[in-house]
Protein backbone atom coordinates (compact mmCIF):
# COMPACT_ATOMS: atom_id res chain seq x y z
CA MET A 1 183.56 356.72 247.27
CA LYS A 2 185.81 353.72 246.75
CA SER A 3 183.18 351.43 248.17
CA LEU A 4 180.50 353.11 246.07
CA SER A 5 182.59 352.73 242.91
CA LEU A 6 183.16 349.06 243.60
CA ALA A 7 179.42 348.61 244.12
CA LEU A 8 178.42 350.43 240.88
CA GLU A 9 181.08 348.86 238.65
CA PRO A 10 179.10 345.69 237.77
CA VAL A 11 176.01 347.71 237.01
CA LEU A 12 177.89 350.17 234.80
CA ARG A 13 179.69 347.39 232.95
CA LYS A 14 176.37 345.72 232.17
CA VAL A 15 174.76 348.92 230.94
CA VAL A 16 177.78 349.83 228.79
CA ARG A 17 177.93 346.32 227.30
CA GLN A 18 174.24 346.39 226.39
CA GLU A 19 174.54 349.83 224.78
CA VAL A 20 177.60 348.82 222.81
CA GLU A 21 175.94 345.61 221.58
CA HIS A 22 172.79 347.52 220.65
CA GLY A 23 174.82 350.09 218.69
CA ILE A 24 176.79 347.44 216.82
CA SER A 25 173.64 345.45 216.00
CA LYS A 26 171.87 348.53 214.71
CA ARG A 27 174.85 349.41 212.54
CA LEU A 28 175.03 345.90 211.04
CA ARG A 29 171.31 345.82 210.20
CA SER A 30 171.69 348.92 208.07
CA PHE A 31 174.07 346.96 205.77
CA SER A 32 172.19 343.58 205.60
CA PRO A 33 169.44 342.90 202.94
CA SER A 34 165.86 342.77 204.10
CA PRO A 35 164.08 339.38 204.45
CA SER A 36 161.60 340.37 201.72
CA PHE A 37 164.48 341.05 199.35
CA CYS A 38 165.89 337.59 199.98
CA VAL A 39 162.55 335.97 199.18
CA GLU A 40 162.14 338.03 196.05
CA ALA A 41 165.64 337.17 194.93
CA ARG A 42 165.02 333.45 195.37
CA GLU A 43 161.64 333.63 193.60
CA SER A 44 163.17 335.53 190.69
CA ILE A 45 165.54 332.67 189.92
CA ALA A 46 163.88 330.81 187.00
CA PRO A 47 164.23 327.01 186.83
CA THR A 48 166.66 325.79 184.24
CA LEU A 49 164.67 322.58 183.64
CA LYS A 50 160.99 322.17 182.98
CA LEU A 51 158.47 319.39 182.44
CA MET A 52 156.14 319.29 179.46
CA PHE A 53 153.51 317.00 177.95
CA ALA A 54 154.58 315.46 174.65
CA LYS A 55 151.11 315.72 173.02
CA ASN A 56 147.64 317.10 173.62
CA LEU A 57 144.87 315.07 175.21
CA LYS A 58 142.22 313.18 173.29
CA LYS A 59 138.81 314.71 173.93
CA PRO A 60 136.05 314.52 174.99
CA ILE A 61 136.96 313.15 178.41
CA PHE A 62 134.44 311.26 180.53
CA THR A 63 134.54 310.13 184.13
CA GLY A 64 135.84 306.59 184.49
CA SER A 65 137.49 306.62 181.06
CA LYS A 66 141.23 306.21 180.53
CA ILE A 67 142.96 309.47 179.62
CA ILE A 68 145.14 309.16 176.51
CA ASP A 69 146.77 311.50 174.02
CA GLU A 70 145.42 312.56 170.64
CA ASP A 71 147.10 309.57 168.96
CA ASN A 72 145.41 307.09 171.36
CA ASN A 73 148.67 306.46 173.23
CA PRO A 74 149.46 306.86 176.96
CA LEU A 75 150.44 310.36 178.04
CA GLN A 76 154.17 311.10 178.04
CA ILE A 77 156.10 313.64 180.11
CA ILE A 78 159.41 315.07 178.85
CA LEU A 79 162.07 316.83 180.93
CA VAL A 80 163.67 319.59 178.85
CA ASN A 81 166.12 322.44 179.26
CA ASP A 82 164.14 325.64 179.69
CA SER A 83 167.05 327.77 178.50
CA ASN A 84 167.26 325.89 175.19
CA ASN A 85 165.80 328.10 172.49
CA ASP A 86 166.12 325.49 169.75
CA HIS A 87 162.93 324.40 168.00
CA TYR A 88 163.99 320.78 168.49
CA ILE A 89 163.23 319.70 172.05
CA ALA A 90 165.59 317.05 173.35
CA PRO A 91 164.93 315.25 176.67
CA VAL A 92 167.42 315.98 179.44
CA ASN A 93 169.03 312.86 180.87
CA LEU A 94 169.78 313.24 184.59
CA ASP A 95 172.06 310.98 186.57
CA ARG A 96 169.21 309.55 188.60
CA PRO A 97 165.47 309.10 187.92
CA ILE A 98 163.05 311.58 189.44
CA ARG A 99 159.54 310.85 190.64
CA LEU A 100 156.60 313.07 189.70
CA ASP A 101 153.12 313.57 191.16
CA ILE A 102 150.13 313.85 188.80
CA VAL A 103 147.44 316.24 190.02
CA ALA A 104 144.24 317.95 188.86
CA LEU A 105 144.34 321.72 188.51
CA HIS A 106 141.78 324.48 188.07
CA GLY A 107 141.20 325.10 184.38
CA ASP A 108 141.74 328.87 184.66
CA PHE A 109 145.23 328.57 186.20
CA PRO A 110 147.58 330.32 185.58
CA SER A 111 146.50 333.83 184.67
CA GLY A 112 149.80 334.42 182.83
CA ASP A 113 152.74 332.51 181.45
CA LYS A 114 154.63 332.25 184.76
CA TRP A 115 153.79 330.84 188.15
CA SER A 116 155.52 329.89 191.37
CA SER A 117 155.51 326.48 193.00
CA ASP A 118 153.32 327.84 195.81
CA GLU A 119 150.75 329.10 193.27
CA PHE A 120 150.81 325.73 191.54
CA ASP A 121 150.11 323.93 194.82
CA ARG A 122 147.29 326.33 195.76
CA ASN A 123 145.49 325.55 192.48
CA ILE A 124 145.48 321.77 192.92
CA VAL A 125 141.85 320.58 193.02
CA LYS A 126 140.89 318.05 195.68
CA GLU A 127 137.90 315.76 195.62
CA ARG A 128 134.53 316.83 196.97
CA ASP A 129 133.55 315.77 200.48
CA GLY A 130 132.55 312.13 200.58
CA LYS A 131 133.90 311.43 197.09
CA ARG A 132 136.75 309.25 195.88
CA PRO A 133 140.10 310.88 195.04
CA LEU A 134 139.54 313.08 192.00
CA LEU A 135 142.30 311.40 189.97
CA ALA A 136 142.45 307.63 190.23
CA GLY A 137 144.99 305.17 188.90
CA ASP A 138 148.73 305.62 188.45
CA VAL A 139 149.05 309.11 189.92
CA THR A 140 152.86 308.99 190.10
CA VAL A 141 155.32 308.58 187.26
CA THR A 142 159.09 308.12 187.15
CA VAL A 143 161.15 310.03 184.62
CA ARG A 144 164.15 308.11 183.28
CA ASN A 145 166.40 309.33 180.49
CA GLY A 146 164.28 312.47 180.33
CA VAL A 147 160.98 310.71 179.53
CA GLY A 148 158.17 309.36 181.70
CA THR A 149 155.03 307.49 180.57
CA ILE A 150 151.84 307.90 182.57
CA GLY A 151 149.90 304.71 183.19
CA ASP A 152 146.12 304.39 183.53
CA ILE A 153 144.60 307.51 185.06
CA GLU A 154 140.97 308.63 185.09
CA PHE A 155 138.75 311.27 186.63
CA THR A 156 136.18 310.07 189.13
CA ASP A 157 134.10 313.25 189.07
CA ASN A 158 132.97 315.74 186.45
CA SER A 159 134.21 319.32 186.24
CA SER A 160 130.85 321.12 186.53
CA TRP A 161 131.25 321.96 190.24
CA ILE A 162 134.46 324.04 190.15
CA ARG A 163 134.66 327.73 189.33
CA SER A 164 136.05 327.41 185.79
CA ARG A 165 134.01 324.29 184.88
CA LYS A 166 137.25 322.85 183.51
CA PHE A 167 140.26 320.88 184.73
CA LYS A 168 143.89 320.68 183.76
CA ILE A 169 146.26 317.81 184.45
CA GLY A 170 149.49 318.93 186.08
CA VAL A 171 152.75 317.23 187.03
CA LYS A 172 155.35 318.31 189.57
CA VAL A 173 158.40 316.83 191.26
CA ALA A 174 157.21 314.72 194.19
CA LYS A 175 158.27 315.53 197.74
CA GLY A 176 161.33 313.57 198.70
CA SER A 177 162.41 313.18 195.09
CA SER A 178 165.51 315.17 194.27
CA GLY A 179 165.81 317.35 191.23
CA GLN A 180 169.55 316.81 191.71
CA GLY A 181 170.15 320.36 192.83
CA VAL A 182 168.32 321.95 189.88
CA ALA A 183 164.91 323.63 190.01
CA VAL A 184 162.32 321.89 187.80
CA CYS A 185 159.26 323.80 186.59
CA GLU A 186 155.89 322.05 186.65
CA ALA A 187 153.88 321.18 183.53
CA MET A 188 150.18 321.21 182.75
CA THR A 189 147.85 320.33 179.89
CA GLU A 190 145.33 322.54 178.17
CA ALA A 191 142.00 323.09 179.96
CA PHE A 192 139.18 320.62 179.26
CA ASN A 193 135.72 319.60 180.44
CA VAL A 194 135.16 316.28 182.16
CA ARG A 195 131.68 314.95 181.45
CA ASP A 196 129.75 312.41 183.44
CA HIS A 197 130.15 308.94 181.96
CA ARG A 198 126.40 308.39 182.09
CA GLY A 199 126.10 310.83 179.19
CA GLU A 200 128.41 308.64 177.11
CA LEU A 201 126.56 305.46 178.07
CA TYR A 202 123.29 306.68 176.60
CA LYS A 203 124.72 308.70 173.72
CA LYS A 204 123.33 308.22 170.20
CA HIS A 205 125.91 307.63 167.48
CA HIS A 206 125.95 309.69 164.28
CA PRO A 207 126.39 307.88 162.04
CA PRO A 208 125.57 304.57 163.73
CA MET A 209 127.70 301.49 163.17
CA LEU A 210 126.36 298.11 162.12
CA GLU A 211 127.51 296.54 165.39
CA ASP A 212 126.01 299.29 167.59
CA ASP A 213 123.27 298.29 170.00
CA VAL A 214 119.88 299.01 168.49
CA TRP A 215 119.06 301.53 171.25
CA ARG A 216 121.75 303.79 169.80
CA LEU A 217 119.13 304.72 167.17
CA GLU A 218 117.00 307.80 167.65
CA LYS A 219 113.66 307.28 169.42
CA ILE A 220 114.76 303.92 170.85
CA GLY A 221 115.75 304.37 174.49
CA LYS A 222 118.03 302.01 176.36
CA ASP A 223 115.88 299.47 178.25
CA GLY A 224 112.77 301.28 177.01
CA ALA A 225 109.63 299.74 175.55
CA PHE A 226 110.89 299.67 171.95
CA HIS A 227 114.24 298.25 173.02
CA LYS A 228 112.56 295.43 174.96
CA LYS A 229 110.25 294.57 172.05
CA LEU A 230 113.15 294.38 169.62
CA SER A 231 115.31 292.35 172.02
CA ALA A 232 112.48 289.85 172.46
CA GLU A 233 112.65 289.23 168.68
CA ASN A 234 116.46 288.91 168.76
CA ILE A 235 116.97 292.28 167.07
CA ASN A 236 119.91 293.51 169.11
CA THR A 237 122.04 295.58 166.73
CA VAL A 238 121.59 298.23 164.09
CA GLN A 239 122.46 295.58 161.50
CA ASP A 240 119.66 293.32 162.77
CA PHE A 241 117.25 296.26 162.55
CA LEU A 242 118.23 297.10 158.97
CA LYS A 243 118.19 293.50 157.74
CA LEU A 244 114.61 292.99 158.89
CA SER A 245 113.59 296.36 157.45
CA VAL A 246 114.80 295.11 154.04
CA VAL A 247 113.27 291.63 154.00
CA ASP A 248 110.07 292.32 155.96
CA LEU A 249 109.38 295.96 156.74
CA ASP A 250 105.81 295.27 157.87
CA ARG A 251 107.05 292.73 160.39
CA LEU A 252 109.48 295.27 161.87
CA ARG A 253 106.74 297.89 162.22
CA GLN A 254 104.49 295.27 163.82
CA ILE A 255 107.19 294.46 166.42
CA LEU A 256 107.58 298.12 167.36
CA GLY A 257 103.82 298.45 167.70
CA GLN A 258 101.46 301.40 167.59
CA GLY A 259 103.52 303.24 170.20
CA MET A 260 105.94 304.24 167.45
CA SER A 261 104.14 306.79 165.31
CA ASP A 262 104.89 307.34 161.62
CA LYS A 263 106.80 310.49 162.52
CA MET A 264 108.93 308.65 165.08
CA TRP A 265 109.51 305.82 162.61
CA ASP A 266 110.75 308.22 159.95
CA VAL A 267 113.31 309.63 162.40
CA THR A 268 114.47 306.18 163.52
CA TYR A 269 114.65 304.71 160.03
CA LYS A 270 116.45 307.73 158.59
CA HIS A 271 119.03 307.51 161.38
CA ALA A 272 119.51 303.79 160.78
CA ARG A 273 120.06 304.34 157.05
CA GLU A 274 122.95 306.70 157.82
CA CYS A 275 124.89 303.57 158.83
CA THR A 276 128.16 302.89 157.01
CA LEU A 277 127.81 299.45 155.42
CA GLY A 278 131.49 298.72 154.77
CA ASN A 279 132.86 296.39 152.10
CA ASN A 280 131.67 292.98 153.28
CA LEU A 281 129.38 290.97 151.00
CA TYR A 282 127.42 287.82 151.85
CA ILE A 283 127.02 284.86 149.47
CA HIS A 284 123.89 282.67 149.46
CA ARG A 285 124.32 279.57 147.28
CA GLY A 286 121.86 277.00 145.94
CA PRO A 287 121.74 274.27 143.28
CA ASN A 288 120.90 276.70 140.49
CA PHE A 289 121.52 280.15 141.97
CA LEU A 290 124.08 282.34 143.73
CA LEU A 291 122.91 285.47 145.50
CA THR A 292 125.25 288.28 146.59
CA LEU A 293 123.95 290.54 149.36
CA ASN A 294 125.27 293.51 151.31
CA PRO A 295 125.42 293.52 155.15
CA ILE A 296 121.75 294.52 155.49
CA CYS A 297 120.41 291.79 153.17
CA GLU A 298 119.93 293.95 150.06
CA VAL A 299 120.55 292.00 146.85
CA LYS A 300 123.62 293.16 144.97
CA GLU A 301 123.80 290.50 142.25
CA ALA A 302 122.08 287.26 141.34
CA GLU A 303 123.36 284.40 139.22
CA ILE A 304 120.54 282.05 138.17
CA ASN A 305 121.18 279.07 135.91
CA SER A 306 124.51 280.62 134.88
CA GLN A 307 122.82 283.87 133.91
CA VAL A 308 124.01 286.95 135.84
CA PHE A 309 121.48 289.64 136.74
CA PHE A 310 122.09 293.06 138.28
CA SER A 311 119.77 295.39 140.09
CA GLY A 312 119.12 297.56 137.07
CA GLU A 313 117.84 294.63 135.03
CA ALA A 314 114.49 292.86 135.03
CA LEU A 315 114.58 290.26 137.77
CA ASN A 316 111.54 288.43 139.01
CA GLN A 317 110.79 290.34 142.18
CA LEU A 318 108.97 287.64 144.12
CA TYR A 319 111.57 284.98 143.36
CA ILE A 320 114.50 287.21 144.41
CA LYS A 321 112.69 288.31 147.55
CA ARG A 322 112.08 284.67 148.41
CA LEU A 323 115.78 283.89 148.03
CA ALA A 324 116.69 286.97 150.09
CA ARG A 325 114.37 285.89 152.92
CA GLN A 326 115.95 282.45 152.77
CA ALA A 327 119.39 284.05 153.08
CA TYR A 328 118.12 286.13 156.02
CA SER A 329 116.99 283.02 157.87
CA GLN A 330 120.40 281.38 157.30
CA TRP A 331 122.50 284.53 157.81
CA ASP A 332 125.10 282.98 160.12
CA LEU A 333 125.81 280.27 157.54
CA LEU A 334 126.49 282.62 154.63
CA GLU A 335 129.95 283.01 153.16
CA VAL A 336 131.50 286.44 153.78
CA VAL A 337 133.71 288.09 151.13
CA GLU A 338 135.09 291.59 150.74
CA ARG A 339 133.89 293.81 147.92
CA LYS A 340 136.60 295.00 145.55
CA ALA A 341 137.62 298.63 145.85
CA ASN A 342 136.63 299.45 142.24
CA GLU A 343 133.29 297.64 142.36
CA VAL A 344 130.28 299.91 141.92
CA PRO A 345 127.49 299.37 144.48
CA LEU A 346 124.59 297.65 142.78
CA LEU A 347 121.86 298.93 145.07
CA THR A 348 121.58 302.53 146.08
CA GLN A 349 121.90 302.81 149.86
CA GLY A 350 118.60 303.86 151.39
CA HIS A 351 116.34 301.85 149.02
CA THR A 352 114.83 298.45 149.74
CA MET A 353 114.25 295.75 147.17
CA ASP A 354 110.60 296.77 146.94
CA GLN A 355 111.70 300.23 145.87
CA GLN A 356 114.39 298.95 143.52
CA TYR A 357 112.34 296.33 141.68
CA GLY A 358 108.73 297.32 142.28
CA ALA A 359 108.78 300.21 139.82
CA HIS A 360 109.61 297.89 136.88
CA HIS A 361 107.69 294.78 137.92
CA ASN A 362 104.23 295.40 136.47
CA HIS A 363 105.65 296.94 133.31
CA ASN A 364 107.89 293.91 132.70
CA ILE A 365 105.00 291.49 133.21
CA GLU A 366 103.02 293.26 130.48
CA ILE A 367 106.00 293.09 128.15
CA ASN A 368 106.44 289.39 128.91
CA LYS A 369 102.74 288.74 128.17
CA SER A 370 102.97 290.53 124.85
CA TYR A 371 105.95 288.41 123.84
CA GLN A 372 104.14 285.21 124.77
CA GLN A 373 100.99 286.29 122.91
CA ASN A 374 103.03 286.95 119.77
CA GLY A 375 104.49 283.47 119.95
CA TYR A 376 108.11 284.31 120.71
CA ALA A 377 110.05 281.39 122.21
CA LEU A 378 112.30 282.22 125.16
CA GLU A 379 115.28 280.00 124.59
CA ARG A 380 118.66 280.04 126.31
CA SER A 381 120.90 281.49 123.65
CA PRO A 382 123.47 284.29 123.37
CA ASN A 383 120.72 286.52 121.97
CA ASN A 384 118.76 286.17 125.20
CA LEU A 385 121.44 288.13 127.01
CA GLU A 386 120.67 291.17 124.86
CA MET A 387 116.99 290.79 125.67
CA ILE A 388 117.78 290.51 129.36
CA ASN A 389 119.89 293.65 129.24
CA GLU A 390 116.97 295.47 127.64
CA GLY A 391 114.71 294.42 130.53
CA TYR A 392 112.31 292.15 128.63
CA ILE A 393 112.70 288.79 130.38
CA THR A 394 110.91 288.26 133.69
CA THR A 395 110.74 284.48 133.72
CA THR A 396 111.64 282.37 136.74
CA PRO A 397 114.53 279.87 136.68
CA MET A 398 112.02 277.02 136.28
CA GLU A 399 110.70 278.64 133.09
CA PHE A 400 114.18 278.71 131.65
């Protein structure tokens, strides 16, 4: 029995030790929190600092175009105290700078007001296979004194291929950059579409600008037949188009050719006349005349032999048109001045000189003939000014 006891002792000790350890371990587990509880507890701790964009984005946004804010400035990121309920948001100045990553997010994220860092990471949009990185440029930013300014960033692809058809721009603390022991919540912009830049390249402008390429007008396609015909005649801008339409409308129609129907012409010309002319005036001088024209070569005022004529008065149509054509041929040599703010436009926008003066021309010639038949002498005297204002004189400067 003694020998048997000595032989069983190691075995019994081992069994007893295992049972005791198992009992103690089981008892301790009943007091310790579950792993899921620990995770939930950590996730429930809200960050005390958060990132935010200072202003909204300027839209629309096109591929290859620099992304800026609504005031045409670079985007700014601010680090703020999330627990601060004040309406005034003051940047939080940490001891050391922190580095942020700029990413593209799905436009429908998040579904609510809160999200976790894991959810944020899962909603980062990567580029399509075989494409360049979706966000190009300065995709990292450093926050110093609570503020960081994003450099040049742009989208390289449109947003039509993702589920929401929209992107957001998000920022988060970069890996390896310390939040100095404080959790920092990510920031994101509002959702927006990113359009293909080719749509912007061929977009028509409403209203057009004087300096716009002529193909910005309706019915004139970029590098199309009409565009090539106009370019061959050195008509490259909307201003060039309008100037020729004023001084020689038939010539402009001849350049465009029979391919532009009357209906197409009406659309193109109406679009061109929507152009904002601005305040610049052009001065054409000669020995006995001074002609003032607007940017599309319409006559605003004429001074002939010290007599000043306005559009509402009886000017000799052919003589003024001849001076206007002369000014057109010497356009780059004309003096440019700015119209005064209180000056009333002398020609109604949308009417050529033919329309302005043609209605009175034949009538004034008959009046002039009747005065000559009755023997009235047209002398340069103060009384002539009253006659001019009444629309009776249609003589040329040589006849003065």
